[in-house]
Amino acid sequence: MDDDIRFELDRETAEKLHAFGELLKKDHNTMLEEALQLYFDTQEKILQENGVSKKDSMTNLSFDEFWDDVDV
């Protein structure tokens, strides 16, 4: 997995990042990590509410339902 990720922020977002960094005395990386964690938590909750979990995100079928009628 490539850990080198590049972001391009619009001017307004970059200005807010700098302003909140000074106000909260946090570095940009910390704020971005916190924001992304909040985003991931929110999206995971939405996916779970819609019946999609990490465990079986590719299908909503059980193991037996998936393999029914398959001749091996």
N, C-alpha and C. Protein backbone atom coordinates (compact mmCIF):
# COMPACT_ATOMS: atom_id res chain seq x y z
N MET A 1 0.84 -1.18 0.00
CA MET A 1 0.00 0.00 0.00
C MET A 1 0.88 1.24 0.00
N ASP A 2 0.57 2.16 -0.86
CA ASP A 2 1.34 3.39 -0.98
C ASP A 2 0.87 4.40 0.07
N ASP A 3 1.77 4.79 0.96
CA ASP A 3 1.42 5.73 2.02
C ASP A 3 1.56 7.18 1.59
N ASP A 4 2.07 7.42 0.39
CA ASP A 4 2.27 8.77 -0.09
C ASP A 4 1.00 9.24 -0.80
N ILE A 5 0.18 10.01 -0.08
CA ILE A 5 -1.09 10.50 -0.63
C ILE A 5 -0.97 12.02 -0.73
N ARG A 6 -1.41 12.56 -1.85
CA ARG A 6 -1.34 14.00 -2.04
C ARG A 6 -2.75 14.57 -2.01
N PHE A 7 -2.90 15.70 -1.36
CA PHE A 7 -4.18 16.39 -1.29
C PHE A 7 -4.06 17.75 -1.96
N GLU A 8 -5.14 18.16 -2.58
CA GLU A 8 -5.22 19.52 -3.10
C GLU A 8 -6.43 20.16 -2.45
N LEU A 9 -6.18 21.20 -1.69
CA LEU A 9 -7.26 21.89 -0.99
C LEU A 9 -7.52 23.22 -1.67
N ASP A 10 -8.79 23.60 -1.74
CA ASP A 10 -9.08 24.92 -2.30
C ASP A 10 -8.62 25.98 -1.30
N ARG A 11 -8.55 27.19 -1.75
CA ARG A 11 -8.00 28.28 -0.95
C ARG A 11 -8.74 28.47 0.37
N GLU A 12 -10.07 28.46 0.31
CA GLU A 12 -10.87 28.66 1.52
C GLU A 12 -10.62 27.57 2.56
N THR A 13 -10.56 26.33 2.11
CA THR A 13 -10.31 25.22 3.03
C THR A 13 -8.91 25.32 3.64
N ALA A 14 -7.93 25.68 2.84
CA ALA A 14 -6.56 25.83 3.33
C ALA A 14 -6.48 26.96 4.36
N GLU A 15 -7.18 28.06 4.09
CA GLU A 15 -7.19 29.17 5.04
C GLU A 15 -7.83 28.76 6.36
N LYS A 16 -8.93 28.00 6.29
CA LYS A 16 -9.59 27.52 7.50
C LYS A 16 -8.68 26.55 8.26
N LEU A 17 -7.96 25.72 7.54
CA LEU A 17 -7.05 24.77 8.16
C LEU A 17 -5.97 25.52 8.94
N HIS A 18 -5.41 26.56 8.34
CA HIS A 18 -4.39 27.36 9.01
C HIS A 18 -4.98 28.09 10.23
N ALA A 19 -6.16 28.69 10.04
CA ALA A 19 -6.79 29.46 11.12
C ALA A 19 -7.14 28.56 12.31
N PHE A 20 -7.76 27.42 12.05
CA PHE A 20 -8.11 26.52 13.14
C PHE A 20 -6.87 25.91 13.78
N GLY A 21 -5.85 25.69 13.00
CA GLY A 21 -4.60 25.18 13.55
C GLY A 21 -4.02 26.12 14.59
N GLU A 22 -4.02 27.40 14.26
CA GLU A 22 -3.52 28.40 15.20
C GLU A 22 -4.44 28.52 16.41
N LEU A 23 -5.74 28.54 16.18
CA LEU A 23 -6.72 28.70 17.24
C LEU A 23 -6.69 27.51 18.21
N LEU A 24 -6.62 26.31 17.66
CA LEU A 24 -6.66 25.10 18.48
C LEU A 24 -5.29 24.60 18.89
N LYS A 25 -4.24 25.25 18.38
CA LYS A 25 -2.86 24.84 18.65
C LYS A 25 -2.63 23.38 18.26
N LYS A 26 -3.08 23.05 17.04
CA LYS A 26 -2.91 21.70 16.49
C LYS A 26 -2.23 21.82 15.14
N ASP A 27 -1.44 20.80 14.82
CA ASP A 27 -0.80 20.79 13.50
C ASP A 27 -1.81 20.29 12.45
N HIS A 28 -1.52 20.57 11.20
CA HIS A 28 -2.44 20.22 10.11
C HIS A 28 -2.69 18.72 10.02
N ASN A 29 -1.66 17.93 10.21
CA ASN A 29 -1.82 16.47 10.12
C ASN A 29 -2.78 15.95 11.17
N THR A 30 -2.68 16.46 12.39
CA THR A 30 -3.57 16.03 13.46
C THR A 30 -5.02 16.37 13.12
N MET A 31 -5.24 17.59 12.65
CA MET A 31 -6.61 18.01 12.31
C MET A 31 -7.17 17.18 11.15
N LEU A 32 -6.34 16.89 10.15
CA LEU A 32 -6.81 16.08 9.03
C LEU A 32 -7.10 14.65 9.47
N GLU A 33 -6.26 14.09 10.33
CA GLU A 33 -6.51 12.74 10.85
C GLU A 33 -7.83 12.70 11.62
N GLU A 34 -8.06 13.71 12.49
CA GLU A 34 -9.29 13.77 13.26
C GLU A 34 -10.51 13.92 12.36
N ALA A 35 -10.39 14.76 11.36
CA ALA A 35 -11.51 14.98 10.43
C ALA A 35 -11.81 13.72 9.63
N LEU A 36 -10.78 13.06 9.16
CA LEU A 36 -10.98 11.82 8.40
C LEU A 36 -11.56 10.71 9.27
N GLN A 37 -11.11 10.63 10.52
CA GLN A 37 -11.66 9.61 11.42
C GLN A 37 -13.15 9.86 11.65
N LEU A 38 -13.52 11.12 11.85
CA LEU A 38 -14.94 11.46 12.01
C LEU A 38 -15.73 11.10 10.75
N TYR A 39 -15.17 11.40 9.59
CA TYR A 39 -15.80 11.05 8.32
C TYR A 39 -15.99 9.54 8.19
N PHE A 40 -14.92 8.78 8.47
CA PHE A 40 -15.01 7.31 8.37
C PHE A 40 -16.04 6.75 9.34
N ASP A 41 -16.05 7.25 10.57
CA ASP A 41 -17.03 6.79 11.56
C ASP A 41 -18.46 7.06 11.09
N THR A 42 -18.67 8.25 10.55
CA THR A 42 -20.00 8.62 10.06
C THR A 42 -20.42 7.74 8.89
N GLN A 43 -19.53 7.54 7.94
CA GLN A 43 -19.84 6.72 6.78
C GLN A 43 -20.08 5.27 7.17
N GLU A 44 -19.30 4.76 8.12
CA GLU A 44 -19.50 3.39 8.58
C GLU A 44 -20.87 3.23 9.23
N LYS A 45 -21.28 4.23 10.00
CA LYS A 45 -22.60 4.19 10.63
C LYS A 45 -23.70 4.20 9.56
N ILE A 46 -23.53 5.01 8.54
CA ILE A 46 -24.51 5.07 7.45
C ILE A 46 -24.58 3.73 6.72
N LEU A 47 -23.42 3.14 6.45
CA LEU A 47 -23.40 1.83 5.78
C LEU A 47 -24.08 0.77 6.63
N GLN A 48 -23.83 0.79 7.93
CA GLN A 48 -24.46 -0.18 8.82
C GLN A 48 -25.98 0.01 8.86
N GLU A 49 -26.43 1.25 8.85
CA GLU A 49 -27.86 1.53 8.84
C GLU A 49 -28.50 1.04 7.55
N ASN A 50 -27.73 1.03 6.48
CA ASN A 50 -28.23 0.56 5.19
C ASN A 50 -28.01 -0.92 4.99
N GLY A 51 -27.54 -1.61 6.02
CA GLY A 51 -27.38 -3.06 5.96
C GLY A 51 -26.09 -3.54 5.37
N VAL A 52 -25.11 -2.69 5.25
CA VAL A 52 -23.82 -3.09 4.70
C VAL A 52 -22.81 -3.05 5.83
N SER A 53 -22.17 -4.15 6.10
CA SER A 53 -21.15 -4.19 7.15
C SER A 53 -19.80 -4.51 6.54
N LYS A 54 -18.76 -4.31 7.31
CA LYS A 54 -17.41 -4.62 6.82
C LYS A 54 -17.29 -6.09 6.47
N LYS A 55 -17.90 -6.93 7.30
CA LYS A 55 -17.75 -8.37 7.16
C LYS A 55 -18.25 -8.88 5.81
N ASP A 56 -19.40 -8.44 5.39
CA ASP A 56 -19.95 -8.93 4.13
C ASP A 56 -20.45 -7.78 3.27
N SER A 57 -19.55 -6.89 2.96
CA SER A 57 -19.92 -5.73 2.18
C SER A 57 -20.17 -6.05 0.70
N MET A 58 -19.77 -7.23 0.26
CA MET A 58 -19.95 -7.59 -1.14
C MET A 58 -21.32 -8.23 -1.39
N THR A 59 -21.94 -8.77 -0.37
CA THR A 59 -23.23 -9.43 -0.56
C THR A 59 -24.01 -9.41 0.74
N ASN A 60 -25.32 -9.51 0.62
CA ASN A 60 -26.13 -9.61 1.82
C ASN A 60 -26.62 -11.05 2.01
N LEU A 61 -26.05 -11.98 1.26
CA LEU A 61 -26.42 -13.39 1.36
C LEU A 61 -25.56 -14.08 2.41
N SER A 62 -26.15 -15.04 3.09
CA SER A 62 -25.38 -15.85 4.01
C SER A 62 -24.53 -16.83 3.20
N PHE A 63 -23.64 -17.51 3.87
CA PHE A 63 -22.78 -18.49 3.22
C PHE A 63 -23.62 -19.54 2.50
N ASP A 64 -24.60 -20.11 3.20
CA ASP A 64 -25.45 -21.17 2.61
C ASP A 64 -26.28 -20.64 1.45
N GLU A 65 -26.84 -19.45 1.59
CA GLU A 65 -27.63 -18.87 0.50
C GLU A 65 -26.76 -18.66 -0.74
N PHE A 66 -25.54 -18.21 -0.53
CA PHE A 66 -24.64 -17.94 -1.64
C PHE A 66 -24.33 -19.22 -2.42
N TRP A 67 -24.09 -20.33 -1.69
CA TRP A 67 -23.67 -21.57 -2.32
C TRP A 67 -24.83 -22.49 -2.71
N ASP A 68 -26.06 -22.14 -2.38
CA ASP A 68 -27.21 -22.96 -2.80
C ASP A 68 -27.23 -23.10 -4.32
N ASP A 69 -27.55 -24.28 -4.76
CA ASP A 69 -27.69 -24.58 -6.19
C ASP A 69 -26.40 -24.48 -6.99
N VAL A 70 -25.25 -24.44 -6.31
CA VAL A 70 -23.96 -24.43 -7.02
C VAL A 70 -23.44 -25.86 -7.04
N ASP A 71 -23.18 -26.35 -8.22
CA ASP A 71 -22.63 -27.70 -8.37
C ASP A 71 -21.10 -27.58 -8.47
N VAL A 72 -20.43 -28.29 -7.58
CA VAL A 72 -18.97 -28.25 -7.58
C VAL A 72 -18.43 -29.60 -7.94
